[in-house]
PDB file of N, CA and C in Angstrom:
ATOM      1  N   MET A   1      16.893 -10.360 -39.963  1.00  0.00           N
ATOM      2  CA  MET A   1      16.584 -10.753 -38.606  1.00  0.00           C
ATOM      3  C   MET A   1      17.693 -10.356 -37.638  1.00  0.00           C
ATOM      4  N   GLU A   2      18.884 -10.117 -38.158  1.00  0.00           N
ATOM      5  CA  GLU A   2      19.982  -9.758 -37.264  1.00  0.00           C
ATOM      6  C   GLU A   2      19.838  -8.343 -36.715  1.00  0.00           C
ATOM      7  N   TRP A   3      18.967  -7.527 -37.288  1.00  0.00           N
ATOM      8  CA  TRP A   3      18.762  -6.180 -36.766  1.00  0.00           C
ATOM      9  C   TRP A   3      18.112  -6.211 -35.390  1.00  0.00           C
ATOM     10  N   LEU A   4      17.456  -7.334 -35.042  1.00  0.00           N
ATOM     11  CA  LEU A   4      16.859  -7.474 -33.712  1.00  0.00           C
ATOM     12  C   LEU A   4      17.906  -7.530 -32.610  1.00  0.00           C
ATOM     13  N   PHE A   5      19.097  -7.978 -32.947  1.00  0.00           N
ATOM     14  CA  PHE A   5      20.146  -8.133 -31.947  1.00  0.00           C
ATOM     15  C   PHE A   5      21.038  -6.905 -31.854  1.00  0.00           C
ATOM     16  N   ASN A   6      20.687  -5.857 -32.549  1.00  0.00           N
ATOM     17  CA  ASN A   6      21.420  -4.604 -32.488  1.00  0.00           C
ATOM     18  C   ASN A   6      21.133  -3.936 -31.139  1.00  0.00           C
ATOM     19  N   PRO A   7      22.167  -3.619 -30.343  1.00  0.00           N
ATOM     20  CA  PRO A   7      21.934  -3.040 -29.010  1.00  0.00           C
ATOM     21  C   PRO A   7      21.173  -1.714 -29.045  1.00  0.00           C
ATOM     22  N   GLN A   8      21.402  -0.893 -30.056  1.00  0.00           N
ATOM     23  CA  GLN A   8      20.691   0.385 -30.139  1.00  0.00           C
ATOM     24  C   GLN A   8      19.198   0.170 -30.374  1.00  0.00           C
ATOM     25  N   ILE A   9      18.853  -0.796 -31.196  1.00  0.00           N
ATOM     26  CA  ILE A   9      17.447  -1.102 -31.460  1.00  0.00           C
ATOM     27  C   ILE A   9      16.775  -1.608 -30.187  1.00  0.00           C
ATOM     28  N   GLN A  10      17.472  -2.438 -29.425  1.00  0.00           N
ATOM     29  CA  GLN A  10      16.906  -2.953 -28.181  1.00  0.00           C
ATOM     30  C   GLN A  10      16.664  -1.830 -27.179  1.00  0.00           C
ATOM     31  N   ILE A  11      17.596  -0.888 -27.081  1.00  0.00           N
ATOM     32  CA  ILE A  11      17.430   0.239 -26.157  1.00  0.00           C
ATOM     33  C   ILE A  11      16.257   1.107 -26.585  1.00  0.00           C
ATOM     34  N   ILE A  12      16.153   1.393 -27.863  1.00  0.00           N
ATOM     35  CA  ILE A  12      15.036   2.202 -28.361  1.00  0.00           C
ATOM     36  C   ILE A  12      13.711   1.489 -28.100  1.00  0.00           C
ATOM     37  N   PHE A  13      13.677   0.182 -28.330  1.00  0.00           N
ATOM     38  CA  PHE A  13      12.459  -0.588 -28.068  1.00  0.00           C
ATOM     39  C   PHE A  13      12.080  -0.537 -26.589  1.00  0.00           C
ATOM     40  N   GLN A  14      13.061  -0.665 -25.701  1.00  0.00           N
ATOM     41  CA  GLN A  14      12.781  -0.605 -24.268  1.00  0.00           C
ATOM     42  C   GLN A  14      12.231   0.755 -23.869  1.00  0.00           C
ATOM     43  N   LEU A  15      12.790   1.826 -24.426  1.00  0.00           N
ATOM     44  CA  LEU A  15      12.311   3.168 -24.103  1.00  0.00           C
ATOM     45  C   LEU A  15      10.893   3.393 -24.620  1.00  0.00           C
ATOM     46  N   ILE A  16      10.628   2.924 -25.827  1.00  0.00           N
ATOM     47  CA  ILE A  16       9.275   3.060 -26.384  1.00  0.00           C
ATOM     48  C   ILE A  16       8.276   2.248 -25.565  1.00  0.00           C
ATOM     49  N   LEU A  17       8.652   1.034 -25.198  1.00  0.00           N
ATOM     50  CA  LEU A  17       7.765   0.184 -24.402  1.00  0.00           C
ATOM     51  C   LEU A  17       7.470   0.817 -23.044  1.00  0.00           C
ATOM     52  N   ALA A  18       8.486   1.372 -22.394  1.00  0.00           N
ATOM     53  CA  ALA A  18       8.270   2.032 -21.101  1.00  0.00           C
ATOM     54  C   ALA A  18       7.335   3.219 -21.251  1.00  0.00           C
ATOM     55  N   THR A  19       7.496   3.988 -22.325  1.00  0.00           N
ATOM     56  CA  THR A  19       6.636   5.147 -22.548  1.00  0.00           C
ATOM     57  C   THR A  19       5.192   4.722 -22.797  1.00  0.00           C
ATOM     58  N   VAL A  20       5.000   3.699 -23.590  1.00  0.00           N
ATOM     59  CA  VAL A  20       3.642   3.226 -23.897  1.00  0.00           C
ATOM     60  C   VAL A  20       2.963   2.664 -22.648  1.00  0.00           C
ATOM     61  N   LEU A  21       3.682   1.854 -21.884  1.00  0.00           N
ATOM     62  CA  LEU A  21       3.080   1.277 -20.679  1.00  0.00           C
ATOM     63  C   LEU A  21       2.786   2.351 -19.636  1.00  0.00           C
ATOM     64  N   GLY A  22       3.695   3.309 -19.479  1.00  0.00           N
ATOM     65  CA  GLY A  22       3.427   4.421 -18.574  1.00  0.00           C
ATOM     66  C   GLY A  22       2.256   5.257 -19.050  1.00  0.00           C
ATOM     67  N   GLY A  23       2.147   5.427 -20.356  1.00  0.00           N
ATOM     68  CA  GLY A  23       1.017   6.156 -20.916  1.00  0.00           C
ATOM     69  C   GLY A  23      -0.300   5.454 -20.669  1.00  0.00           C
ATOM     70  N   MET A  24      -0.281   4.132 -20.691  1.00  0.00           N
ATOM     71  CA  MET A  24      -1.509   3.383 -20.409  1.00  0.00           C
ATOM     72  C   MET A  24      -1.959   3.598 -18.968  1.00  0.00           C
ATOM     73  N   VAL A  25      -1.017   3.610 -18.042  1.00  0.00           N
ATOM     74  CA  VAL A  25      -1.362   3.883 -16.645  1.00  0.00           C
ATOM     75  C   VAL A  25      -1.896   5.305 -16.516  1.00  0.00           C
ATOM     76  N   GLY A  26      -1.232   6.249 -17.181  1.00  0.00           N
ATOM     77  CA  GLY A  26      -1.682   7.634 -17.143  1.00  0.00           C
ATOM     78  C   GLY A  26      -3.049   7.829 -17.769  1.00  0.00           C
ATOM     79  N   LEU A  27      -3.328   7.097 -18.828  1.00  0.00           N
ATOM     80  CA  LEU A  27      -4.636   7.177 -19.478  1.00  0.00           C
ATOM     81  C   LEU A  27      -5.740   6.709 -18.534  1.00  0.00           C
ATOM     82  N   GLU A  28      -5.455   5.651 -17.806  1.00  0.00           N
ATOM     83  CA  GLU A  28      -6.428   5.149 -16.838  1.00  0.00           C
ATOM     84  C   GLU A  28      -6.664   6.179 -15.737  1.00  0.00           C
ATOM     85  N   ARG A  29      -5.606   6.861 -15.315  1.00  0.00           N
ATOM     86  CA  ARG A  29      -5.757   7.887 -14.276  1.00  0.00           C
ATOM     87  C   ARG A  29      -6.510   9.103 -14.807  1.00  0.00           C
ATOM     88  N   GLU A  30      -6.279   9.466 -16.061  1.00  0.00           N
ATOM     89  CA  GLU A  30      -7.031  10.582 -16.646  1.00  0.00           C
ATOM     90  C   GLU A  30      -8.509  10.233 -16.769  1.00  0.00           C
ATOM     91  N   TYR A  31      -8.783   8.989 -17.094  1.00  0.00           N
ATOM     92  CA  TYR A  31     -10.166   8.538 -17.221  1.00  0.00           C
ATOM     93  C   TYR A  31     -10.909   8.676 -15.895  1.00  0.00           C
ATOM     94  N   LYS A  32     -10.188   8.437 -14.781  1.00  0.00           N
ATOM     95  CA  LYS A  32     -10.796   8.541 -13.454  1.00  0.00           C
ATOM     96  C   LYS A  32     -10.657   9.939 -12.861  1.00  0.00           C
ATOM     97  N   LYS A  33     -10.201  10.905 -13.669  1.00  0.00           N
ATOM     98  CA  LYS A  33     -10.078  12.312 -13.255  1.00  0.00           C
ATOM     99  C   LYS A  33      -9.133  12.499 -12.071  1.00  0.00           C
ATOM    100  N   ARG A  34      -7.998  11.808 -12.093  1.00  0.00           N
ATOM    101  CA  ARG A  34      -6.990  11.962 -11.042  1.00  0.00           C
ATOM    102  C   ARG A  34      -6.004  13.052 -11.443  1.00  0.00           C
ATOM    103  N   GLU A  35      -5.128  13.436 -10.507  1.00  0.00           N
ATOM    104  CA  GLU A  35      -4.193  14.547 -10.726  1.00  0.00           C
ATOM    105  C   GLU A  35      -3.225  14.285 -11.885  1.00  0.00           C
ATOM    106  N   ALA A  36      -2.331  13.329 -11.715  1.00  0.00           N
ATOM    107  CA  ALA A  36      -1.324  13.043 -12.738  1.00  0.00           C
ATOM    108  C   ALA A  36      -1.962  12.213 -13.846  1.00  0.00           C
ATOM    109  N   GLY A  37      -1.621  12.552 -15.084  1.00  0.00           N
ATOM    110  CA  GLY A  37      -2.278  11.884 -16.193  1.00  0.00           C
ATOM    111  C   GLY A  37      -1.323  11.250 -17.177  1.00  0.00           C
ATOM    112  N   LEU A  38      -1.738  11.236 -18.414  1.00  0.00           N
ATOM    113  CA  LEU A  38      -1.035  10.552 -19.495  1.00  0.00           C
ATOM    114  C   LEU A  38       0.389  11.055 -19.675  1.00  0.00           C
ATOM    115  N   ARG A  39       0.552  12.352 -19.863  1.00  0.00           N
ATOM    116  CA  ARG A  39       1.896  12.892 -20.109  1.00  0.00           C
ATOM    117  C   ARG A  39       2.824  12.673 -18.931  1.00  0.00           C
ATOM    118  N   THR A  40       2.303  12.864 -17.728  1.00  0.00           N
ATOM    119  CA  THR A  40       3.138  12.718 -16.536  1.00  0.00           C
ATOM    120  C   THR A  40       3.663  11.297 -16.409  1.00  0.00           C
ATOM    121  N   TYR A  41       2.791  10.341 -16.490  1.00  0.00           N
ATOM    122  CA  TYR A  41       3.212   8.950 -16.329  1.00  0.00           C
ATOM    123  C   TYR A  41       4.083   8.478 -17.492  1.00  0.00           C
ATOM    124  N   ALA A  42       3.797   8.926 -18.687  1.00  0.00           N
ATOM    125  CA  ALA A  42       4.622   8.542 -19.835  1.00  0.00           C
ATOM    126  C   ALA A  42       6.039   9.089 -19.677  1.00  0.00           C
ATOM    127  N   LEU A  43       6.162  10.352 -19.266  1.00  0.00           N
ATOM    128  CA  LEU A  43       7.491  10.947 -19.106  1.00  0.00           C
ATOM    129  C   LEU A  43       8.250  10.362 -17.923  1.00  0.00           C
ATOM    130  N   VAL A  44       7.564  10.092 -16.832  1.00  0.00           N
ATOM    131  CA  VAL A  44       8.226   9.481 -15.675  1.00  0.00           C
ATOM    132  C   VAL A  44       8.709   8.076 -16.023  1.00  0.00           C
ATOM    133  N   SER A  45       7.912   7.322 -16.729  1.00  0.00           N
ATOM    134  CA  SER A  45       8.313   5.974 -17.149  1.00  0.00           C
ATOM    135  C   SER A  45       9.487   6.025 -18.116  1.00  0.00           C
ATOM    136  N   LEU A  46       9.450   6.966 -19.049  1.00  0.00           N
ATOM    137  CA  LEU A  46      10.557   7.126 -19.993  1.00  0.00           C
ATOM    138  C   LEU A  46      11.840   7.488 -19.259  1.00  0.00           C
ATOM    139  N   GLY A  47      11.759   8.426 -18.342  1.00  0.00           N
ATOM    140  CA  GLY A  47      12.943   8.826 -17.577  1.00  0.00           C
ATOM    141  C   GLY A  47      13.492   7.701 -16.723  1.00  0.00           C
ATOM    142  N   SER A  48      12.610   6.949 -16.097  1.00  0.00           N
ATOM    143  CA  SER A  48      13.045   5.823 -15.269  1.00  0.00           C
ATOM    144  C   SER A  48      13.747   4.758 -16.106  1.00  0.00           C
ATOM    145  N   ALA A  49      13.173   4.442 -17.238  1.00  0.00           N
ATOM    146  CA  ALA A  49      13.795   3.450 -18.119  1.00  0.00           C
ATOM    147  C   ALA A  49      15.142   3.947 -18.633  1.00  0.00           C
ATOM    148  N   PHE A  50      15.211   5.232 -18.967  1.00  0.00           N
ATOM    149  CA  PHE A  50      16.458   5.818 -19.463  1.00  0.00           C
ATOM    150  C   PHE A  50      17.571   5.709 -18.416  1.00  0.00           C
ATOM    151  N   PHE A  51      17.270   6.071 -17.172  1.00  0.00           N
ATOM    152  CA  PHE A  51      18.284   6.008 -16.126  1.00  0.00           C
ATOM    153  C   PHE A  51      18.660   4.573 -15.774  1.00  0.00           C
ATOM    154  N   MET A  52      17.726   3.644 -15.856  1.00  0.00           N
ATOM    155  CA  MET A  52      18.064   2.243 -15.610  1.00  0.00           C
ATOM    156  C   MET A  52      18.972   1.689 -16.702  1.00  0.00           C
ATOM    157  N   ILE A  53      18.712   2.063 -17.945  1.00  0.00           N
ATOM    158  CA  ILE A  53      19.567   1.608 -19.044  1.00  0.00           C
ATOM    159  C   ILE A  53      20.973   2.166 -18.873  1.00  0.00           C
ATOM    160  N   ILE A  54      21.069   3.441 -18.500  1.00  0.00           N
ATOM    161  CA  ILE A  54      22.387   4.044 -18.268  1.00  0.00           C
ATOM    162  C   ILE A  54      23.100   3.331 -17.124  1.00  0.00           C
ATOM    163  N   ALA A  55      22.389   3.070 -16.028  1.00  0.00           N
ATOM    164  CA  ALA A  55      23.001   2.400 -14.883  1.00  0.00           C
ATOM    165  C   ALA A  55      23.490   0.999 -15.251  1.00  0.00           C
ATOM    166  N   LEU A  56      22.722   0.281 -16.031  1.00  0.00           N
ATOM    167  CA  LEU A  56      23.136  -1.067 -16.433  1.00  0.00           C
ATOM    168  C   LEU A  56      24.317  -1.034 -17.396  1.00  0.00           C
ATOM    169  N   GLU A  57      24.392  -0.019 -18.232  1.00  0.00           N
ATOM    170  CA  GLU A  57      25.502   0.084 -19.180  1.00  0.00           C
ATOM    171  C   GLU A  57      26.800   0.496 -18.489  1.00  0.00           C
ATOM    172  N   ILE A  58      26.693   1.307 -17.437  1.00  0.00           N
ATOM    173  CA  ILE A  58      27.895   1.763 -16.733  1.00  0.00           C
ATOM    174  C   ILE A  58      28.508   0.628 -15.927  1.00  0.00           C
ATOM    175  N   PHE A  59      27.662  -0.134 -15.232  1.00  0.00           N
ATOM    176  CA  PHE A  59      28.185  -1.195 -14.369  1.00  0.00           C
ATOM    177  C   PHE A  59      28.049  -2.480 -15.052  1.00  0.00           C
TER     178      PHE A  59
END
């Protein structure tokens, strides 16, 4: 159970969660035939989460 408190595991979990949630938004947009879709939203969410984690770790 102590592996849950490992900072690297928490960061990986946050990045995966951001990608999945962004992918869900993108999937909904693809379903409605909009411009940006699954890959776009998943990558933007992943990048946003990555930069927020870096910003929080620096300061």
